[in-house]
Every structure is written in C-alpha cells, then in structure tokens.
Amino acid sequence: MGEELLSEDDFKISLWNYSTSLRGGLGYKDNVLLSHTNAQGSSFWMSSAELMVFRLPTHGWQFTFFADATDTRYFNAPTVDNEQVALAVAQLSKDFGRGWKSTLALTYMFQNQVFDNSANYTNQASVGLVLGHTLTPRWAVRKTFGPFWVEGELSGTRQWLAAPLDSYWQLGPRAALGYGWGRGSELTLAYQHAGLDYDSRTQVSETGEPIPDTSLSLNTHLVELSLTSFWDQKRHWQNIASAGFESSLDNGSGYYNYAGYRFAERVRYRNEKWEITAQARVAYYDYAEQTVSATDPALRQKTMFNLMLRAERKLTKHLLAFASYNWDRSLSNLDFDDYQASTVIGGLALTF
C-alpha cells in the first residue's frame, strides 16, 4: 500500500469556531406580575436559543459574538400571557504587547417582560411589564503590571422604553484596579460614574409633584469590590463575591436621591457531568427626601433579596437536563413595591 500524502491544510486549525444551545422547559411562577396583593400564579413553557461565535487570537486580535433569546408562554396569566428577552454582544479585542490591551464592544438587549424599575420611579406602573430596546457601546483600555492591572472604560447607553416609562441617554466612565493570583483568582476594585438624561420626564417637588418645563437627570456613583476565587487545583469550585455602594442624585429637589448598598455571593461546582450554582443577592435603598405619602412622613426604604439554585446534568455528549429555583423578595414601606415571587423550572437542552 502506498504512503498517503498529507497536505498542509490537514495540519491547520480552524480560526473560527461556534457553539449553539437549544433549551426547553416547563415551570411555574406564583406571582407573574410581582404584585403586592392578588398575586397571579401560572405554569409556563420556556424555550431559548443561544449562539456563541469566536475567532482564535491571531496577531493580537480576538473577536467574540454571543446571542441569547428566551421566550416564555404562560398558561394561566390573563394580564401577561408571554415574555421575551433577547441579548446580543459583539466584542473585538487587540493585544498590543507590553501589557497593553484595548477592547471595543457593542451590546443590544430587547425586553418584553415584567420587571421592577421602582428604584428610580414612585408609581404603581414602575413594577410591571417593560417593553424596550437597549443599545450600549463600550471602549476599554487595560494595562497589566505583573499580577496587577488597571483599566479605563467609557460606555454609553440609549434605552427606548414604551410608556408609561420614559426613554433616556446614559454616559459615563469606569476605572478599575485588579490583582490576580493562583489558579485564576482575582480581586477587583472599581468606580463608575454615569449621567442619565430622560427624554421627557420632568423634575418633581419635595412632595413628588411634577414641575412643568423641566427635565429630569440623574447622576450615579458606584464603588464596587469583587473577589473571584477557585478553591481547588482542578478548578471545580468557584466563588464570586461582591459588595458595592451606589449614590444617585437628581438635578432637582432631591426627591429621587438615594444611597444604595448591595452584596452578592455566588458559588459554583462543575465537573465532567454536573454544574451546580447557588447565588444570594441583597440590595438596600435608603431615600434622603422621598416620604411614604403626604400623610406618612417616614422616609422611603426598599430592600431586595434574591436566591437562586440551579443544577445541570450532562446526559449524553449533546444532551443535558437542568432544573432551577428562583426566589425574589422586595421589602418596602410603599405598598406597590412590596412583593415576593418564586419560580421553578426544569427541562432539557441540546448543545452542539
């Protein structure tokens, strides 16, 4: 038998790669509208698709694209019978050598879902169905010094929202300092400032009355400390913890001013067959001027809790089973903003 000749192409690795996932699951949510009273519960069917495309680094360039879309169909929720969320992120990075790296990214999101926007609003409609589009370009530059790195970032957001919410522009910088060690562990301290300008929303008085011929703007400042660590050499166990402080100031009477405190803890275990994730988050909002009502002088307060537990089990090379439980609790001295909701779902996913 003659010796088979191999061409140069037989040794080449494709620079472009992709992965896809299709998911379907049956679940139940006991408070579809996040209502304070008369909660509507319903079973639902969820379907989603995910795509990731990436190009292996060449000459310092690297490109990734990620897209995910989820559709939820409720069987017995007369007010909201369906929800959709879609996200797409394209990112181009260039490594210039000597520790310098630059990243340009563009993010798009579509929302048609029940959502809590009450942190910056004070009305019943702020907890309910949100319909909108969000576009966010981002440019960042990073410099690495051994185990340390510093990063500067500028991002802008344009969000188009259907009434009764108001569309807005947002722009601001972010600066971060990080330290990495061991098996991918990292400590990061970041500061971010953002100015938010609404299209038509007006300022309000100290009692919440609209002030004609004015425009509402918010300035937010966020300081956050986060820690990512792996507990074992094979990196089966990962822990991500973060704590932050946020200050929001309006350009009027200060009615929307608040101080926010947040904490999150996420633990993940992953091996060849299993991936199990547990997460807890809490956020507290303390308003400086806003009172509960004209007859109740107590200042507004709001605390949000979230607990999540998710498990995935690989059944075959391309098939896996998943199940998750999610609990949301909003504690507030405003009735419309006080609610709780639990969601459970299980299903199958095809990956290839």
Protein backbone atom coordinates (compact mmCIF):
# COMPACT_ATOMS: atom_id res chain seq x y z
CA MET A 1 0.00 0.00 0.00
CA GLY A 2 1.38 3.37 -0.99
CA GLU A 3 2.06 6.02 1.64
CA GLU A 4 -0.76 8.60 1.83
CA LEU A 5 0.36 12.14 1.24
CA LEU A 6 -0.92 14.84 3.63
CA SER A 7 -1.38 18.41 2.52
CA GLU A 8 -0.52 21.48 4.59
CA ASP A 9 -4.24 22.09 5.22
CA ASP A 10 -4.50 18.81 7.16
CA PHE A 11 -2.45 20.37 9.97
CA LYS A 12 -4.34 23.67 10.14
CA ILE A 13 -6.78 24.54 12.93
CA SER A 14 -9.90 26.49 12.03
CA LEU A 15 -9.64 30.02 13.38
CA TRP A 16 -13.43 30.39 13.54
CA ASN A 17 -15.45 28.27 15.96
CA TYR A 18 -19.00 28.28 17.25
CA SER A 19 -21.30 26.61 19.75
CA THR A 20 -25.09 26.57 19.97
CA SER A 21 -27.69 25.54 22.52
CA LEU A 22 -31.46 24.96 22.34
CA ARG A 23 -33.41 24.73 25.59
CA GLY A 24 -36.97 23.92 26.54
CA GLY A 25 -38.55 23.64 29.97
CA LEU A 26 -41.77 23.54 31.93
CA GLY A 27 -42.13 25.70 35.04
CA TYR A 28 -44.37 27.55 37.48
CA LYS A 29 -44.27 31.15 38.79
CA ASP A 30 -46.50 32.09 41.71
CA ASN A 31 -46.55 35.87 41.12
CA VAL A 32 -46.26 36.69 37.43
CA LEU A 33 -46.94 40.44 37.84
CA LEU A 34 -44.82 40.92 41.01
CA SER A 35 -47.99 42.17 42.71
CA HIS A 36 -48.36 43.29 46.31
CA THR A 37 -51.83 41.73 46.52
CA ASN A 38 -53.86 39.22 44.48
CA ALA A 39 -50.81 37.50 43.01
CA GLN A 40 -51.44 35.63 39.75
CA GLY A 41 -49.71 32.27 39.56
CA SER A 42 -49.27 30.30 36.36
CA SER A 43 -47.43 27.38 34.84
CA PHE A 44 -45.42 28.20 31.73
CA TRP A 45 -43.33 26.84 28.88
CA MET A 46 -39.90 28.36 28.31
CA SER A 47 -37.86 28.00 25.13
CA SER A 48 -34.49 29.59 24.37
CA ALA A 49 -31.66 29.57 21.86
CA GLU A 50 -28.02 30.51 22.38
CA LEU A 51 -25.19 31.10 19.92
CA MET A 52 -21.51 31.83 20.50
CA VAL A 53 -19.04 32.58 17.71
CA PHE A 54 -15.36 33.24 18.39
CA ARG A 55 -12.14 33.60 16.47
CA LEU A 56 -8.88 32.31 17.88
CA PRO A 57 -6.33 35.09 18.60
CA THR A 58 -4.08 35.99 15.65
CA HIS A 59 -1.62 38.89 15.56
CA GLY A 60 -3.09 40.09 18.85
CA TRP A 61 -6.68 40.32 17.53
CA GLN A 62 -9.58 38.39 19.03
CA PHE A 63 -13.31 38.50 18.26
CA THR A 64 -16.31 37.01 20.09
CA PHE A 65 -20.04 37.19 19.48
CA PHE A 66 -22.74 35.95 21.83
CA ALA A 67 -26.53 35.94 21.38
CA ASP A 68 -29.31 34.55 23.55
CA ALA A 69 -33.10 34.73 23.18
CA THR A 70 -35.73 33.42 25.62
CA ASP A 71 -39.49 33.15 25.12
CA THR A 72 -41.89 32.37 27.98
CA ARG A 73 -45.54 31.38 27.42
CA TYR A 74 -47.86 31.44 30.46
CA PHE A 75 -50.82 29.07 30.50
CA ASN A 76 -52.99 30.91 33.05
CA ALA A 77 -51.94 34.57 33.45
CA PRO A 78 -54.65 36.74 31.84
CA THR A 79 -52.77 40.04 32.17
CA VAL A 80 -49.40 38.90 30.80
CA ASP A 81 -49.53 35.77 28.68
CA ASN A 82 -45.95 35.89 27.35
CA GLU A 83 -42.50 37.42 27.94
CA GLN A 84 -39.38 37.71 25.76
CA VAL A 85 -35.78 38.72 26.45
CA ALA A 86 -33.01 38.82 23.84
CA LEU A 87 -29.35 39.76 24.24
CA ALA A 88 -26.52 40.11 21.73
CA VAL A 89 -22.90 41.09 22.45
CA ALA A 90 -20.09 41.61 19.92
CA GLN A 91 -16.56 42.22 21.21
CA LEU A 92 -13.29 42.93 19.43
CA SER A 93 -10.01 42.96 21.38
CA LYS A 94 -6.45 43.88 20.42
CA ASP A 95 -3.37 42.90 22.41
CA PHE A 96 -0.62 45.47 21.69
CA GLY A 97 2.05 43.76 23.78
CA ARG A 98 3.91 45.01 26.86
CA GLY A 99 0.74 44.57 28.88
CA TRP A 100 -1.49 46.85 26.79
CA LYS A 101 -4.89 45.68 25.57
CA SER A 102 -7.90 47.50 24.10
CA THR A 103 -11.49 46.26 23.78
CA LEU A 104 -14.41 47.58 21.74
CA ALA A 105 -17.84 46.08 22.44
CA LEU A 106 -21.46 46.62 21.43
CA THR A 107 -24.41 45.21 23.40
CA TYR A 108 -28.07 45.08 22.37
CA MET A 109 -30.96 43.95 24.55
CA PHE A 110 -34.69 43.58 23.91
CA GLN A 111 -37.11 43.35 26.83
CA ASN A 112 -40.77 42.42 26.92
CA GLN A 113 -41.05 41.22 30.49
CA VAL A 114 -42.34 42.04 33.94
CA PHE A 115 -39.58 43.99 35.68
CA ASP A 116 -39.03 46.12 38.79
CA ASN A 117 -37.98 49.70 37.87
CA SER A 118 -39.15 51.20 41.15
CA ALA A 119 -35.70 52.35 42.34
CA ASN A 120 -35.96 55.44 40.10
CA TYR A 121 -39.77 55.67 39.97
CA THR A 122 -42.53 56.11 42.52
CA ASN A 123 -45.73 54.78 40.97
CA GLN A 124 -47.59 51.53 40.51
CA ALA A 125 -46.56 51.25 36.84
CA SER A 126 -42.85 51.01 37.75
CA VAL A 127 -43.36 47.35 38.74
CA GLY A 128 -44.89 45.70 35.71
CA LEU A 129 -44.47 44.96 32.04
CA VAL A 130 -41.45 46.65 30.44
CA LEU A 131 -41.16 46.91 26.67
CA GLY A 132 -37.94 48.38 25.33
CA HIS A 133 -34.67 48.23 23.44
CA THR A 134 -31.21 49.00 24.83
CA LEU A 135 -28.03 49.71 22.88
CA THR A 136 -24.68 50.08 24.70
CA PRO A 137 -21.29 50.69 23.03
CA ARG A 138 -18.21 50.32 25.25
CA TRP A 139 -14.50 51.05 24.82
CA ALA A 140 -11.87 49.96 27.36
CA VAL A 141 -8.08 50.09 27.67
CA ARG A 142 -6.15 47.84 30.09
CA LYS A 143 -2.53 47.86 31.23
CA THR A 144 -1.07 44.86 33.07
CA PHE A 145 1.86 45.10 35.53
CA GLY A 146 2.75 41.56 36.56
CA PRO A 147 -0.12 40.36 38.79
CA PHE A 148 -1.71 43.87 38.80
CA TRP A 149 -3.78 45.59 36.12
CA VAL A 150 -5.57 48.89 35.66
CA GLU A 151 -8.41 49.59 33.25
CA GLY A 152 -10.23 52.65 31.98
CA GLU A 153 -13.58 52.39 30.24
CA LEU A 154 -16.13 54.68 28.58
CA SER A 155 -19.64 53.45 27.85
CA GLY A 156 -22.88 54.98 26.67
CA THR A 157 -26.43 53.66 26.68
CA ARG A 158 -29.51 54.54 24.70
CA GLN A 159 -32.68 52.94 26.02
CA TRP A 160 -36.02 53.19 24.24
CA LEU A 161 -38.90 52.38 26.59
CA ALA A 162 -42.64 52.21 25.96
CA ALA A 163 -44.96 54.34 28.11
CA PRO A 164 -45.51 54.79 31.00
CA LEU A 165 -41.72 54.58 31.41
CA ASP A 166 -39.52 57.19 29.73
CA SER A 167 -36.60 56.64 27.36
CA TYR A 168 -33.17 58.01 28.28
CA TRP A 169 -29.50 58.55 27.38
CA GLN A 170 -26.70 57.48 29.73
CA LEU A 171 -22.96 58.15 29.50
CA GLY A 172 -20.05 57.77 31.88
CA PRO A 173 -16.55 56.43 32.64
CA ARG A 174 -15.39 53.49 34.72
CA ALA A 175 -11.98 52.89 36.32
CA ALA A 176 -10.83 49.59 37.82
CA LEU A 177 -7.77 48.18 39.59
CA GLY A 178 -7.22 44.43 39.82
CA TYR A 179 -4.85 41.87 41.29
CA GLY A 180 -4.70 38.25 40.11
CA TRP A 181 -3.03 35.20 41.63
CA GLY A 182 -3.11 31.43 41.84
CA ARG A 183 -5.46 29.48 39.58
CA GLY A 184 -7.36 32.42 38.07
CA SER A 185 -8.34 34.16 41.32
CA GLU A 186 -8.77 37.93 41.12
CA LEU A 187 -9.58 40.89 43.36
CA THR A 188 -11.07 44.00 41.69
CA LEU A 189 -11.89 47.48 42.94
CA ALA A 190 -13.94 49.63 40.52
CA TYR A 191 -15.53 53.09 40.40
CA GLN A 192 -18.17 54.06 37.86
CA HIS A 193 -19.96 57.34 37.19
CA ALA A 194 -22.96 57.74 34.91
CA GLY A 195 -25.13 60.67 33.91
CA LEU A 196 -28.68 59.77 32.89
CA ASP A 197 -30.90 62.18 30.95
CA TYR A 198 -34.58 61.36 30.38
CA ASP A 199 -36.30 62.35 27.14
CA SER A 200 -39.46 63.90 28.59
CA ARG A 201 -39.61 63.09 32.29
CA THR A 202 -39.82 66.20 34.49
CA GLN A 203 -38.38 67.07 37.88
CA VAL A 204 -40.67 66.86 40.90
CA SER A 205 -41.04 68.86 44.07
CA GLU A 206 -40.10 67.59 47.53
CA THR A 207 -43.62 66.17 47.81
CA GLY A 208 -43.46 64.43 44.42
CA GLU A 209 -45.48 66.92 42.37
CA PRO A 210 -44.32 67.36 38.71
CA ILE A 211 -42.63 70.68 37.90
CA PRO A 212 -43.60 71.87 34.40
CA ASP A 213 -41.00 72.92 31.83
CA THR A 214 -38.18 70.98 33.50
CA SER A 215 -36.11 67.93 32.52
CA LEU A 216 -35.05 65.20 34.93
CA SER A 217 -31.45 63.97 35.08
CA LEU A 218 -29.75 61.56 37.46
CA ASN A 219 -26.08 61.29 38.40
CA THR A 220 -24.98 57.95 39.85
CA HIS A 221 -21.71 56.95 41.50
CA LEU A 222 -20.89 53.30 42.14
CA VAL A 223 -17.94 51.82 44.05
CA GLU A 224 -17.67 48.02 43.99
CA LEU A 225 -15.24 45.46 45.37
CA SER A 226 -15.36 41.93 43.92
CA LEU A 227 -13.45 38.71 44.54
CA THR A 228 -13.28 35.70 42.21
CA SER A 229 -11.51 32.64 43.59
CA PHE A 230 -11.09 28.94 42.91
CA TRP A 231 -10.92 26.59 45.88
CA ASP A 232 -9.19 23.58 44.34
CA GLN A 233 -6.42 22.83 41.87
CA LYS A 234 -8.76 21.35 39.27
CA ARG A 235 -10.98 24.47 39.47
CA HIS A 236 -14.14 22.52 40.22
CA TRP A 237 -15.19 25.01 42.93
CA GLN A 238 -15.51 28.72 42.15
CA ASN A 239 -16.64 31.55 44.40
CA ILE A 240 -17.61 35.08 43.28
CA ALA A 241 -18.37 37.68 45.97
CA SER A 242 -19.05 41.39 45.54
CA ALA A 243 -20.03 44.37 47.67
CA GLY A 244 -20.87 47.87 46.46
CA PHE A 245 -22.16 51.31 47.37
CA GLU A 246 -24.21 53.45 44.98
CA SER A 247 -25.25 57.08 45.26
CA SER A 248 -27.91 58.56 42.97
CA LEU A 249 -28.61 62.32 42.86
CA ASP A 250 -31.24 64.07 40.77
CA ASN A 251 -30.90 67.60 39.33
CA GLY A 252 -33.96 68.94 41.13
CA SER A 253 -35.39 68.82 44.62
CA GLY A 254 -33.58 65.63 45.57
CA TYR A 255 -36.81 63.63 45.65
CA TYR A 256 -35.16 60.72 43.79
CA ASN A 257 -31.87 60.85 45.74
CA TYR A 258 -30.89 57.57 47.39
CA ALA A 259 -27.96 55.65 48.82
CA GLY A 260 -27.80 52.02 47.78
CA TYR A 261 -25.88 49.12 49.30
CA ARG A 262 -25.50 45.76 47.57
CA PHE A 263 -23.94 42.40 48.26
CA ALA A 264 -23.81 39.22 46.19
CA GLU A 265 -22.36 35.76 46.73
CA ARG A 266 -22.18 33.02 44.09
CA VAL A 267 -20.76 29.51 44.50
CA ARG A 268 -20.41 27.11 41.58
CA TYR A 269 -19.31 23.48 41.37
CA ARG A 270 -18.53 21.95 37.98
CA ASN A 271 -17.10 18.62 36.81
CA GLU A 272 -17.42 16.48 33.70
CA LYS A 273 -21.12 15.66 34.36
CA TRP A 274 -22.50 18.24 36.79
CA GLU A 275 -22.72 22.01 37.14
CA ILE A 276 -24.40 23.32 40.30
CA THR A 277 -24.74 27.03 41.11
CA ALA A 278 -26.08 28.75 44.24
CA GLN A 279 -26.45 32.53 44.44
CA ALA A 280 -27.66 35.07 47.01
CA ARG A 281 -28.06 38.81 46.43
CA VAL A 282 -29.32 41.66 48.59
CA ALA A 283 -29.71 45.38 47.80
CA TYR A 284 -30.86 48.12 50.16
CA TYR A 285 -32.07 51.59 49.07
CA ASP A 286 -32.32 54.49 51.52
CA TYR A 287 -34.04 57.62 50.18
CA ALA A 288 -32.95 61.00 51.52
CA GLU A 289 -36.06 63.12 50.77
CA GLN A 290 -38.82 60.85 49.47
CA THR A 291 -41.53 60.04 52.01
CA VAL A 292 -44.05 57.22 52.02
CA SER A 293 -47.02 59.56 51.37
CA ALA A 294 -48.40 63.01 52.09
CA THR A 295 -49.83 61.68 55.36
CA ASP A 296 -46.91 59.41 56.32
CA PRO A 297 -43.64 61.37 56.83
CA ALA A 298 -41.47 58.23 57.10
CA LEU A 299 -38.68 58.17 54.52
CA ARG A 300 -38.95 55.55 51.81
CA GLN A 301 -36.85 52.39 52.19
CA LYS A 302 -36.53 49.35 49.97
CA THR A 303 -34.68 46.04 50.37
CA MET A 304 -34.46 43.45 47.60
CA PHE A 305 -33.48 39.80 48.13
CA ASN A 306 -32.77 37.17 45.51
CA LEU A 307 -31.93 33.50 45.98
CA MET A 308 -31.15 31.17 43.09
CA LEU A 309 -30.24 27.48 42.88
CA ARG A 310 -29.52 25.81 39.53
CA ALA A 311 -28.31 22.34 38.56
CA GLU A 312 -27.32 20.86 35.19
CA ARG A 313 -26.56 17.20 34.47
CA LYS A 314 -24.91 16.08 31.24
CA LEU A 315 -26.78 13.04 29.91
CA THR A 316 -25.00 12.49 26.59
CA LYS A 317 -22.45 14.38 24.51
CA HIS A 318 -25.14 16.79 23.22
CA LEU A 319 -27.99 16.45 25.73
CA LEU A 320 -28.28 17.78 29.27
CA ALA A 321 -31.04 18.17 31.86
CA PHE A 322 -31.47 21.29 34.01
CA ALA A 323 -33.58 22.49 36.92
CA SER A 324 -33.64 25.79 38.81
CA TYR A 325 -35.41 27.62 41.63
CA ASN A 326 -35.52 31.42 41.95
CA TRP A 327 -36.94 33.49 44.84
CA ASP A 328 -37.38 37.28 44.77
CA ARG A 329 -38.49 39.36 47.74
CA SER A 330 -38.94 43.12 47.82
CA LEU A 331 -39.47 44.65 51.26
CA SER A 332 -40.70 48.23 51.09
CA ASN A 333 -42.76 50.71 53.08
CA LEU A 334 -44.56 51.58 49.83
CA ASP A 335 -47.34 49.04 49.23
CA PHE A 336 -46.93 48.71 45.45
CA ASP A 337 -43.22 47.95 45.89
CA ASP A 338 -43.67 45.17 48.46
CA TYR A 339 -43.96 41.68 46.93
CA GLN A 340 -42.43 38.24 46.61
CA ALA A 341 -42.25 35.70 43.79
CA SER A 342 -40.98 32.16 43.36
CA THR A 343 -40.16 30.45 40.07
CA VAL A 344 -39.28 26.81 39.46
CA ILE A 345 -38.40 25.22 36.11
CA GLY A 346 -36.98 22.01 34.71
CA GLY A 347 -36.16 20.92 31.20
CA LEU A 348 -33.70 19.67 28.58
CA ALA A 349 -31.06 21.31 26.41
CA LEU A 350 -29.36 20.32 23.17
CA THR A 351 -25.80 21.61 22.68
CA PHE A 352 -23.60 21.31 19.63
